[in-house]
């Protein structure tokens, strides 16, 4: 497994090796021991699968607050998305900074997003599917969001924000400047 750093410490791109032949390919997308050897020791407890019918669908920016904060390992099983993480750890030198990585069924890349980061994605193709592992169970009382098109974050989603396809929850999400982060940066 190839492990690459992004512009945000702790947010990593994991690219599993693919072994192909005339039938197609095989890839081991998660191996606890191999990743522990690479310094990644998360224990995932829940797998999620998201389907978005239309290109331009935005899901996010989401996080779960403590005591049910989640790290996520995200991959695209079909289609293509821009996956985004934003540092929301109070005191972090990267507080409010975002990074985006294109994930697709073709490139096989995965994005590891630690707890203390917002997460969201925009579909670049119709019929896109995202699969992700979570380090804690979904807890509705800890479910939070920040507005995806917040001007203080300045995320380049590659679409006109007015044309984004959103849930009612994401449309009503607060601005970044109006939310108090429950996360603290630990150097």
N, C-alpha and C. Protein backbone atom coordinates (compact mmCIF):
# COMPACT_ATOMS: atom_id res chain seq x y z
N UNK A 1 0.85 -1.17 0.00
CA UNK A 1 0.00 0.00 0.00
C UNK A 1 0.89 1.23 0.00
N UNK A 2 0.63 2.13 -0.92
CA UNK A 2 1.35 3.39 -0.99
C UNK A 2 0.65 4.38 -0.08
N UNK A 3 1.38 5.00 0.85
CA UNK A 3 0.83 5.99 1.78
C UNK A 3 1.50 7.33 1.49
N UNK A 4 0.68 8.34 1.13
CA UNK A 4 1.19 9.66 0.79
C UNK A 4 0.59 10.71 1.73
N UNK A 5 1.37 11.72 2.05
CA UNK A 5 0.88 12.83 2.84
C UNK A 5 0.17 13.83 1.94
N UNK A 6 -0.76 14.58 2.52
CA UNK A 6 -1.40 15.70 1.83
C UNK A 6 -0.85 16.98 2.45
N UNK A 7 -1.44 18.10 2.10
CA UNK A 7 -1.03 19.37 2.71
C UNK A 7 -1.46 19.51 4.16
N UNK A 8 -2.28 18.59 4.67
CA UNK A 8 -2.73 18.64 6.06
C UNK A 8 -2.17 17.44 6.82
N UNK A 9 -1.36 17.68 7.83
CA UNK A 9 -0.80 16.57 8.62
C UNK A 9 -1.91 15.67 9.17
N UNK A 10 -1.73 14.37 8.96
CA UNK A 10 -2.70 13.38 9.42
C UNK A 10 -3.69 12.95 8.37
N UNK A 11 -3.95 13.82 7.39
CA UNK A 11 -4.83 13.45 6.28
C UNK A 11 -3.94 12.79 5.23
N UNK A 12 -4.20 11.52 4.96
CA UNK A 12 -3.32 10.72 4.11
C UNK A 12 -4.05 10.14 2.91
N UNK A 13 -3.32 9.97 1.83
CA UNK A 13 -3.83 9.26 0.66
C UNK A 13 -3.25 7.86 0.69
N UNK A 14 -4.13 6.87 0.67
CA UNK A 14 -3.71 5.47 0.65
C UNK A 14 -4.09 4.90 -0.70
N UNK A 15 -3.11 4.36 -1.40
CA UNK A 15 -3.38 3.75 -2.70
C UNK A 15 -2.98 2.29 -2.65
N UNK A 16 -3.97 1.41 -2.59
CA UNK A 16 -3.68 -0.02 -2.56
C UNK A 16 -3.13 -0.50 -3.91
N UNK A 17 -2.30 -1.51 -3.85
CA UNK A 17 -1.79 -2.13 -5.08
C UNK A 17 -2.92 -2.90 -5.74
N UNK A 18 -2.90 -2.91 -7.05
CA UNK A 18 -3.86 -3.70 -7.82
C UNK A 18 -3.10 -4.77 -8.59
N UNK A 19 -3.66 -5.96 -8.56
CA UNK A 19 -3.07 -7.09 -9.28
C UNK A 19 -4.06 -7.48 -10.37
N UNK A 20 -3.66 -7.27 -11.62
CA UNK A 20 -4.58 -7.48 -12.72
C UNK A 20 -4.17 -8.61 -13.65
N UNK A 21 -5.15 -9.10 -14.36
CA UNK A 21 -4.95 -10.05 -15.44
C UNK A 21 -6.10 -9.86 -16.42
N UNK A 22 -6.29 -10.81 -17.31
CA UNK A 22 -7.31 -10.68 -18.36
C UNK A 22 -8.72 -10.58 -17.79
N UNK A 23 -8.94 -11.03 -16.57
CA UNK A 23 -10.27 -10.98 -15.95
C UNK A 23 -10.61 -9.63 -15.35
N UNK A 24 -9.58 -8.85 -14.98
CA UNK A 24 -9.78 -7.58 -14.29
C UNK A 24 -8.67 -7.38 -13.28
N UNK A 25 -8.99 -7.03 -12.04
CA UNK A 25 -7.97 -6.81 -11.02
C UNK A 25 -8.49 -7.18 -9.64
N UNK A 26 -7.55 -7.29 -8.70
CA UNK A 26 -7.82 -7.54 -7.29
C UNK A 26 -7.03 -6.53 -6.49
N UNK A 27 -7.62 -6.03 -5.39
CA UNK A 27 -6.94 -5.06 -4.55
C UNK A 27 -7.33 -5.29 -3.10
N UNK A 28 -6.34 -5.28 -2.22
CA UNK A 28 -6.59 -5.36 -0.79
C UNK A 28 -6.67 -3.93 -0.26
N UNK A 29 -7.87 -3.47 0.06
CA UNK A 29 -8.07 -2.06 0.41
C UNK A 29 -7.87 -1.77 1.88
N UNK A 30 -7.88 -2.80 2.73
CA UNK A 30 -7.63 -2.59 4.16
C UNK A 30 -6.97 -3.83 4.72
N UNK A 31 -5.83 -3.63 5.36
CA UNK A 31 -5.12 -4.71 6.04
C UNK A 31 -4.57 -4.10 7.32
N UNK A 32 -5.15 -4.47 8.44
CA UNK A 32 -4.79 -3.86 9.73
C UNK A 32 -3.28 -3.92 9.98
N UNK A 33 -2.66 -5.08 9.76
CA UNK A 33 -1.23 -5.24 10.05
C UNK A 33 -0.37 -4.41 9.12
N UNK A 34 -0.67 -4.44 7.83
CA UNK A 34 0.13 -3.67 6.87
C UNK A 34 0.07 -2.18 7.18
N UNK A 35 -1.12 -1.68 7.54
CA UNK A 35 -1.23 -0.25 7.85
C UNK A 35 -0.63 0.07 9.21
N UNK A 36 -0.72 -0.84 10.17
CA UNK A 36 -0.06 -0.61 11.46
C UNK A 36 1.45 -0.50 11.26
N UNK A 37 1.99 -1.30 10.34
CA UNK A 37 3.41 -1.20 10.01
C UNK A 37 3.75 0.17 9.42
N UNK A 38 2.74 0.83 8.81
CA UNK A 38 2.91 2.17 8.27
C UNK A 38 2.50 3.27 9.24
N UNK A 39 2.21 2.90 10.51
CA UNK A 39 1.88 3.89 11.53
C UNK A 39 0.40 4.21 11.66
N UNK A 40 -0.46 3.49 10.96
CA UNK A 40 -1.90 3.73 11.02
C UNK A 40 -2.53 2.63 11.85
N UNK A 41 -3.03 2.99 13.04
CA UNK A 41 -3.52 1.98 13.98
C UNK A 41 -4.98 2.19 14.35
N UNK A 42 -5.76 2.74 13.46
CA UNK A 42 -7.18 2.98 13.73
C UNK A 42 -7.95 1.66 13.78
N UNK A 43 -8.96 1.65 14.62
CA UNK A 43 -9.85 0.50 14.70
C UNK A 43 -11.19 0.94 14.12
N UNK A 44 -11.55 0.42 12.97
CA UNK A 44 -12.81 0.79 12.34
C UNK A 44 -13.93 -0.12 12.81
N UNK A 45 -15.10 0.49 13.07
CA UNK A 45 -16.23 -0.26 13.64
C UNK A 45 -17.48 -0.22 12.77
N UNK A 46 -17.48 0.59 11.72
CA UNK A 46 -18.68 0.73 10.90
C UNK A 46 -18.26 1.03 9.47
N UNK A 47 -18.93 0.39 8.50
CA UNK A 47 -18.74 0.69 7.09
C UNK A 47 -20.00 1.34 6.55
N UNK A 48 -19.83 2.41 5.76
CA UNK A 48 -20.95 3.11 5.14
C UNK A 48 -20.80 3.08 3.63
N UNK A 49 -21.92 3.16 2.95
CA UNK A 49 -21.94 3.15 1.48
C UNK A 49 -22.93 4.23 1.05
N UNK A 50 -22.46 5.17 0.23
CA UNK A 50 -23.28 6.29 -0.21
C UNK A 50 -23.37 6.28 -1.74
N UNK A 51 -24.58 6.44 -2.25
CA UNK A 51 -24.82 6.52 -3.69
C UNK A 51 -25.38 7.89 -4.01
N UNK A 52 -24.82 8.54 -5.05
CA UNK A 52 -25.33 9.83 -5.51
C UNK A 52 -25.64 9.71 -7.00
N UNK A 53 -26.89 9.97 -7.35
CA UNK A 53 -27.35 9.78 -8.72
C UNK A 53 -26.75 10.80 -9.69
N UNK A 54 -26.68 12.07 -9.27
CA UNK A 54 -26.30 13.13 -10.20
C UNK A 54 -24.91 13.70 -9.92
N UNK A 55 -24.22 14.08 -10.99
CA UNK A 55 -22.98 14.85 -10.84
C UNK A 55 -23.36 16.19 -10.23
N UNK A 56 -22.47 16.73 -9.40
CA UNK A 56 -22.74 18.00 -8.72
C UNK A 56 -23.45 17.84 -7.39
N UNK A 57 -23.59 16.60 -6.92
CA UNK A 57 -24.16 16.36 -5.60
C UNK A 57 -23.08 16.60 -4.56
N UNK A 58 -23.38 17.43 -3.57
CA UNK A 58 -22.45 17.71 -2.49
C UNK A 58 -23.00 17.09 -1.21
N UNK A 59 -22.14 16.36 -0.51
CA UNK A 59 -22.48 15.82 0.80
C UNK A 59 -21.42 16.34 1.76
N UNK A 60 -21.85 17.14 2.72
CA UNK A 60 -20.91 17.70 3.67
C UNK A 60 -21.07 19.20 3.76
N UNK A 61 -20.31 19.72 4.57
CA UNK A 61 -19.17 19.25 5.35
C UNK A 61 -19.66 18.72 6.69
N UNK A 62 -19.32 17.48 7.00
CA UNK A 62 -19.84 16.81 8.20
C UNK A 62 -18.73 16.43 9.17
N UNK A 63 -19.12 16.25 10.43
CA UNK A 63 -18.26 15.64 11.44
C UNK A 63 -19.13 15.16 12.58
N UNK A 64 -18.56 14.29 13.40
CA UNK A 64 -19.20 13.90 14.64
C UNK A 64 -18.36 14.43 15.79
N UNK A 65 -19.04 15.03 16.76
CA UNK A 65 -18.34 15.59 17.90
C UNK A 65 -18.04 14.50 18.93
N UNK A 66 -17.07 14.75 19.82
CA UNK A 66 -16.83 13.82 20.92
C UNK A 66 -18.09 13.70 21.76
N UNK A 67 -18.37 12.59 22.36
CA UNK A 67 -17.47 11.44 22.54
C UNK A 67 -17.53 10.43 21.40
N UNK A 68 -18.17 10.79 20.29
CA UNK A 68 -18.29 9.85 19.16
C UNK A 68 -17.61 10.39 17.90
N UNK A 69 -16.52 11.11 18.08
CA UNK A 69 -15.76 11.63 16.94
C UNK A 69 -15.30 10.46 16.07
N UNK A 70 -15.29 10.69 14.76
CA UNK A 70 -14.94 9.63 13.82
C UNK A 70 -13.75 10.00 12.95
N UNK A 71 -12.84 9.05 12.80
CA UNK A 71 -11.90 9.07 11.69
C UNK A 71 -12.57 8.29 10.58
N UNK A 72 -12.24 8.62 9.32
CA UNK A 72 -12.86 7.95 8.18
C UNK A 72 -11.80 7.55 7.16
N UNK A 73 -12.01 6.42 6.54
CA UNK A 73 -11.21 6.00 5.39
C UNK A 73 -12.18 5.89 4.23
N UNK A 74 -12.04 6.80 3.25
CA UNK A 74 -13.02 6.97 2.18
C UNK A 74 -12.44 6.51 0.85
N UNK A 75 -13.26 5.77 0.09
CA UNK A 75 -12.86 5.38 -1.26
C UNK A 75 -14.08 5.44 -2.18
N UNK A 76 -13.84 5.52 -3.46
CA UNK A 76 -14.90 5.60 -4.45
C UNK A 76 -14.98 4.25 -5.16
N UNK A 77 -16.12 3.60 -5.05
CA UNK A 77 -16.30 2.30 -5.67
C UNK A 77 -16.83 2.37 -7.09
N UNK A 78 -17.43 3.52 -7.43
CA UNK A 78 -17.98 3.72 -8.77
C UNK A 78 -18.06 5.21 -9.03
N UNK A 79 -17.67 5.65 -10.21
CA UNK A 79 -17.73 7.06 -10.55
C UNK A 79 -16.48 7.81 -10.14
N UNK A 80 -16.68 9.10 -9.77
CA UNK A 80 -15.54 9.97 -9.46
C UNK A 80 -16.03 11.11 -8.59
N UNK A 81 -15.25 11.44 -7.54
CA UNK A 81 -15.60 12.52 -6.61
C UNK A 81 -14.35 13.33 -6.27
N UNK A 82 -14.59 14.55 -5.81
CA UNK A 82 -13.57 15.33 -5.12
C UNK A 82 -13.89 15.19 -3.65
N UNK A 83 -12.98 14.59 -2.89
CA UNK A 83 -13.18 14.37 -1.46
C UNK A 83 -12.38 15.43 -0.71
N UNK A 84 -12.99 16.05 0.29
CA UNK A 84 -12.41 17.22 0.96
C UNK A 84 -12.35 17.00 2.47
N UNK A 85 -11.24 17.43 3.07
CA UNK A 85 -11.08 17.45 4.53
C UNK A 85 -10.66 18.86 4.94
N UNK A 86 -11.20 19.33 6.07
CA UNK A 86 -10.89 20.65 6.62
C UNK A 86 -10.50 20.49 8.08
N UNK A 87 -9.36 21.04 8.46
CA UNK A 87 -8.88 20.98 9.84
C UNK A 87 -9.71 21.89 10.73
N UNK A 88 -10.35 21.31 11.76
CA UNK A 88 -11.15 22.12 12.70
C UNK A 88 -10.66 21.93 14.14
N UNK A 89 -9.36 21.64 14.29
CA UNK A 89 -8.79 21.48 15.64
C UNK A 89 -8.32 22.84 16.14
N UNK A 90 -8.97 23.34 17.17
CA UNK A 90 -8.64 24.65 17.73
C UNK A 90 -7.17 24.67 18.14
N UNK A 91 -6.44 25.69 17.71
CA UNK A 91 -5.02 25.83 18.02
C UNK A 91 -4.11 25.21 16.97
N UNK A 92 -4.68 24.51 16.00
CA UNK A 92 -3.87 23.90 14.95
C UNK A 92 -3.31 24.99 14.04
N UNK A 93 -2.05 24.86 13.60
CA UNK A 93 -1.51 25.82 12.64
C UNK A 93 -2.25 25.75 11.30
N UNK A 94 -3.01 24.68 11.08
CA UNK A 94 -3.75 24.50 9.83
C UNK A 94 -5.25 24.68 10.01
N UNK A 95 -5.68 25.26 11.15
CA UNK A 95 -7.09 25.46 11.44
C UNK A 95 -7.77 26.18 10.28
N UNK A 96 -8.86 25.59 9.77
CA UNK A 96 -9.60 26.19 8.66
C UNK A 96 -9.02 25.93 7.29
N UNK A 97 -7.94 25.17 7.22
CA UNK A 97 -7.31 24.84 5.94
C UNK A 97 -7.91 23.55 5.39
N UNK A 98 -8.09 23.51 4.07
CA UNK A 98 -8.69 22.34 3.45
C UNK A 98 -7.72 21.70 2.45
N UNK A 99 -7.98 20.44 2.18
CA UNK A 99 -7.30 19.72 1.11
C UNK A 99 -8.35 18.90 0.38
N UNK A 100 -8.15 18.71 -0.91
CA UNK A 100 -9.07 17.92 -1.71
C UNK A 100 -8.31 16.92 -2.56
N UNK A 101 -8.87 15.73 -2.68
CA UNK A 101 -8.25 14.65 -3.45
C UNK A 101 -9.31 14.01 -4.33
N UNK A 102 -8.98 13.81 -5.60
CA UNK A 102 -9.91 13.11 -6.47
C UNK A 102 -9.82 11.61 -6.20
N UNK A 103 -10.97 11.04 -5.89
CA UNK A 103 -11.10 9.61 -5.70
C UNK A 103 -11.98 9.07 -6.82
N UNK A 104 -11.57 7.97 -7.40
CA UNK A 104 -12.38 7.37 -8.46
C UNK A 104 -12.26 5.86 -8.41
N UNK A 105 -13.20 5.21 -9.06
CA UNK A 105 -13.12 3.76 -9.19
C UNK A 105 -11.85 3.39 -9.96
N UNK A 106 -11.47 4.23 -10.89
CA UNK A 106 -10.27 3.95 -11.70
C UNK A 106 -8.98 4.09 -10.92
N UNK A 107 -8.81 5.19 -10.15
CA UNK A 107 -7.51 5.41 -9.51
C UNK A 107 -7.36 4.63 -8.20
N UNK A 108 -8.44 4.15 -7.62
CA UNK A 108 -8.37 3.31 -6.43
C UNK A 108 -7.84 3.99 -5.17
N UNK A 109 -7.67 5.29 -5.22
CA UNK A 109 -7.14 6.01 -4.06
C UNK A 109 -8.16 6.06 -2.94
N UNK A 110 -7.66 6.18 -1.71
CA UNK A 110 -8.49 6.32 -0.52
C UNK A 110 -7.98 7.53 0.26
N UNK A 111 -8.88 8.21 0.95
CA UNK A 111 -8.47 9.34 1.78
C UNK A 111 -8.75 9.00 3.23
N UNK A 112 -7.70 9.09 4.04
CA UNK A 112 -7.81 8.86 5.48
C UNK A 112 -7.97 10.23 6.15
N UNK A 113 -9.09 10.40 6.84
CA UNK A 113 -9.42 11.67 7.48
C UNK A 113 -9.53 11.43 8.98
N UNK A 114 -8.62 11.99 9.77
CA UNK A 114 -8.67 11.79 11.22
C UNK A 114 -9.86 12.51 11.85
N UNK A 115 -10.21 12.14 13.08
CA UNK A 115 -11.17 12.91 13.86
C UNK A 115 -10.59 14.32 14.02
N UNK A 116 -11.47 15.30 14.08
CA UNK A 116 -11.03 16.69 14.19
C UNK A 116 -10.99 17.39 12.85
N UNK A 117 -11.57 16.76 11.84
CA UNK A 117 -11.62 17.34 10.49
C UNK A 117 -13.05 17.25 9.97
N UNK A 118 -13.46 18.31 9.25
CA UNK A 118 -14.70 18.24 8.49
C UNK A 118 -14.46 17.32 7.31
N UNK A 119 -15.52 16.69 6.81
CA UNK A 119 -15.43 15.85 5.62
C UNK A 119 -16.61 16.13 4.70
N UNK A 120 -16.32 16.17 3.41
CA UNK A 120 -17.38 16.31 2.42
C UNK A 120 -16.86 15.90 1.05
N UNK A 121 -17.78 15.74 0.12
CA UNK A 121 -17.37 15.43 -1.25
C UNK A 121 -18.40 15.95 -2.23
N UNK A 122 -17.94 16.14 -3.46
CA UNK A 122 -18.82 16.49 -4.57
C UNK A 122 -18.62 15.44 -5.65
N UNK A 123 -19.74 14.99 -6.23
CA UNK A 123 -19.64 13.99 -7.30
C UNK A 123 -19.27 14.68 -8.60
N UNK A 124 -18.33 14.08 -9.30
CA UNK A 124 -17.88 14.60 -10.60
C UNK A 124 -18.52 13.84 -11.75
N UNK A 125 -19.14 12.71 -11.44
CA UNK A 125 -19.82 11.89 -12.44
C UNK A 125 -21.14 11.42 -11.86
N UNK A 126 -22.12 11.16 -12.73
CA UNK A 126 -23.36 10.58 -12.22
C UNK A 126 -23.12 9.16 -11.69
N UNK A 127 -24.03 8.70 -10.86
CA UNK A 127 -24.00 7.34 -10.34
C UNK A 127 -22.68 7.03 -9.62
N UNK A 128 -22.27 7.95 -8.76
CA UNK A 128 -21.03 7.75 -7.99
C UNK A 128 -21.36 7.11 -6.65
N UNK A 129 -20.49 6.19 -6.22
CA UNK A 129 -20.66 5.50 -4.96
C UNK A 129 -19.40 5.66 -4.11
N UNK A 130 -19.62 6.03 -2.85
CA UNK A 130 -18.54 6.20 -1.89
C UNK A 130 -18.71 5.14 -0.81
N UNK A 131 -17.60 4.51 -0.45
CA UNK A 131 -17.59 3.54 0.65
C UNK A 131 -16.59 4.04 1.67
N UNK A 132 -16.99 4.04 2.94
CA UNK A 132 -16.04 4.52 3.93
C UNK A 132 -16.20 3.80 5.26
N UNK A 133 -15.04 3.62 5.87
CA UNK A 133 -14.94 3.02 7.19
C UNK A 133 -14.92 4.14 8.22
N UNK A 134 -15.55 3.89 9.38
CA UNK A 134 -15.59 4.88 10.45
C UNK A 134 -15.05 4.28 11.73
N UNK A 135 -14.35 5.09 12.51
CA UNK A 135 -13.73 4.61 13.75
C UNK A 135 -14.67 4.65 14.95
N UNK A 136 -15.87 5.21 14.78
CA UNK A 136 -16.88 5.17 15.83
C UNK A 136 -18.23 5.03 15.16
N UNK A 137 -19.22 4.60 15.93
CA UNK A 137 -20.56 4.39 15.41
C UNK A 137 -21.25 5.73 15.18
N UNK A 138 -22.21 5.73 14.25
CA UNK A 138 -23.00 6.93 14.01
C UNK A 138 -23.79 7.26 15.28
N UNK A 139 -23.71 8.51 15.69
CA UNK A 139 -24.42 8.99 16.87
C UNK A 139 -25.17 10.26 16.48
N UNK A 140 -26.48 10.18 16.24
CA UNK A 140 -27.24 11.34 15.77
C UNK A 140 -27.06 12.59 16.64
N UNK A 141 -26.93 12.42 17.96
CA UNK A 141 -26.78 13.58 18.84
C UNK A 141 -25.41 14.25 18.70
N UNK A 142 -24.47 13.62 18.03
CA UNK A 142 -23.13 14.19 17.82
C UNK A 142 -22.91 14.62 16.36
N UNK A 143 -23.90 14.42 15.53
CA UNK A 143 -23.81 14.73 14.09
C UNK A 143 -23.86 16.24 13.89
N UNK A 144 -22.85 16.79 13.22
CA UNK A 144 -22.76 18.23 12.99
C UNK A 144 -22.35 18.50 11.54
N UNK A 145 -22.54 19.75 11.13
CA UNK A 145 -22.18 20.15 9.76
C UNK A 145 -21.77 21.61 9.74
N UNK A 146 -21.01 21.95 8.71
CA UNK A 146 -20.63 23.34 8.39
C UNK A 146 -20.93 23.53 6.92
N UNK A 147 -21.33 24.73 6.56
CA UNK A 147 -21.74 25.04 5.18
C UNK A 147 -20.61 24.74 4.19
N UNK A 148 -20.92 24.00 3.15
CA UNK A 148 -19.92 23.56 2.16
C UNK A 148 -19.31 24.72 1.38
N UNK A 149 -20.09 25.78 1.14
CA UNK A 149 -19.61 26.90 0.32
C UNK A 149 -19.22 28.11 1.16
N UNK A 150 -18.81 27.85 2.39
CA UNK A 150 -18.43 28.93 3.29
C UNK A 150 -17.31 29.78 2.69
N UNK A 151 -17.50 31.10 2.62
CA UNK A 151 -16.47 31.95 2.01
C UNK A 151 -15.17 31.99 2.81
N UNK A 152 -15.24 31.79 4.13
CA UNK A 152 -14.02 31.79 4.93
C UNK A 152 -13.16 30.56 4.66
N UNK A 153 -13.76 29.46 4.23
CA UNK A 153 -12.99 28.26 3.89
C UNK A 153 -12.48 28.32 2.46
N UNK A 154 -13.27 28.87 1.55
CA UNK A 154 -12.84 29.05 0.16
C UNK A 154 -12.54 27.75 -0.57
N UNK A 155 -13.31 26.73 -0.34
CA UNK A 155 -13.08 25.44 -1.00
C UNK A 155 -13.48 25.54 -2.47
N UNK A 156 -12.58 25.10 -3.34
CA UNK A 156 -12.86 25.06 -4.78
C UNK A 156 -13.45 23.68 -5.10
N UNK A 157 -14.76 23.61 -5.14
CA UNK A 157 -15.45 22.35 -5.40
C UNK A 157 -15.48 22.00 -6.88
N UNK A 158 -15.12 22.96 -7.73
CA UNK A 158 -15.13 22.70 -9.17
C UNK A 158 -16.53 22.80 -9.77
N UNK A 159 -17.48 23.35 -9.02
CA UNK A 159 -18.84 23.55 -9.51
C UNK A 159 -19.33 24.91 -9.05
N UNK A 160 -20.37 25.40 -9.70
CA UNK A 160 -21.03 26.62 -9.24
C UNK A 160 -21.84 26.25 -8.00
N UNK A 161 -21.54 26.84 -6.83
CA UNK A 161 -22.25 26.47 -5.60
C UNK A 161 -23.77 26.61 -5.71
N UNK A 162 -24.24 27.51 -6.54
CA UNK A 162 -25.68 27.70 -6.70
C UNK A 162 -26.33 26.46 -7.32
N UNK A 163 -25.57 25.73 -8.12
CA UNK A 163 -26.10 24.54 -8.80
C UNK A 163 -25.86 23.25 -8.02
N UNK A 164 -25.24 23.34 -6.85
CA UNK A 164 -24.97 22.13 -6.06
C UNK A 164 -26.29 21.47 -5.64
N UNK A 165 -26.29 20.16 -5.68
CA UNK A 165 -27.44 19.38 -5.22
C UNK A 165 -27.16 19.02 -3.76
N UNK A 166 -28.02 19.54 -2.86
CA UNK A 166 -27.78 19.42 -1.42
C UNK A 166 -28.98 18.82 -0.70
N UNK A 167 -28.72 18.24 0.46
CA UNK A 167 -29.80 17.86 1.37
C UNK A 167 -30.27 19.12 2.09
N UNK A 168 -31.45 19.04 2.67
CA UNK A 168 -31.94 20.18 3.47
C UNK A 168 -30.99 20.46 4.64
N UNK A 169 -30.47 19.40 5.25
CA UNK A 169 -29.54 19.55 6.38
C UNK A 169 -28.29 20.32 5.95
N UNK A 170 -27.72 19.97 4.80
CA UNK A 170 -26.50 20.64 4.35
C UNK A 170 -26.78 22.07 3.91
N UNK A 171 -27.94 22.30 3.34
CA UNK A 171 -28.32 23.66 2.92
C UNK A 171 -28.45 24.58 4.13
N UNK A 172 -28.88 24.03 5.28
CA UNK A 172 -29.09 24.83 6.49
C UNK A 172 -27.88 24.85 7.43
N UNK A 173 -26.79 24.23 7.03
CA UNK A 173 -25.60 24.16 7.91
C UNK A 173 -25.07 25.56 8.21
N UNK A 174 -24.53 25.75 9.42
CA UNK A 174 -24.02 27.07 9.80
C UNK A 174 -22.71 27.41 9.09
N UNK A 175 -22.39 28.68 9.08
CA UNK A 175 -21.12 29.14 8.55
C UNK A 175 -19.99 28.76 9.51
N UNK A 176 -18.80 28.67 8.97
CA UNK A 176 -17.61 28.30 9.74
C UNK A 176 -17.40 29.25 10.92
N UNK A 177 -17.55 30.54 10.68
CA UNK A 177 -17.29 31.52 11.75
C UNK A 177 -18.33 31.45 12.87
N UNK A 178 -19.46 30.78 12.62
CA UNK A 178 -20.53 30.70 13.62
C UNK A 178 -20.58 29.37 14.36
N UNK A 179 -19.56 28.55 14.20
CA UNK A 179 -19.60 27.27 14.89
C UNK A 179 -18.40 27.18 15.83
N UNK A 180 -18.61 26.54 16.96
CA UNK A 180 -17.54 26.36 17.95
C UNK A 180 -17.05 24.92 17.84
N UNK A 181 -15.79 24.76 17.51
CA UNK A 181 -15.24 23.42 17.36
C UNK A 181 -15.07 22.74 18.71
N UNK A 182 -15.39 21.47 18.78
CA UNK A 182 -15.15 20.73 20.02
C UNK A 182 -13.76 20.07 20.06
N UNK A 183 -12.95 20.29 19.03
CA UNK A 183 -11.66 19.63 18.91
C UNK A 183 -10.51 20.57 19.26
N UNK A 184 -9.50 20.03 19.91
CA UNK A 184 -8.32 20.80 20.30
C UNK A 184 -7.08 20.13 19.68
N UNK A 185 -6.24 20.95 19.12
CA UNK A 185 -5.00 20.47 18.48
C UNK A 185 -4.02 20.01 19.56
N UNK A 186 -3.45 18.85 19.34
CA UNK A 186 -2.42 18.32 20.24
C UNK A 186 -1.15 18.10 19.41
N UNK A 187 -0.14 18.91 19.68
CA UNK A 187 1.11 18.85 18.90
C UNK A 187 1.86 17.55 19.13
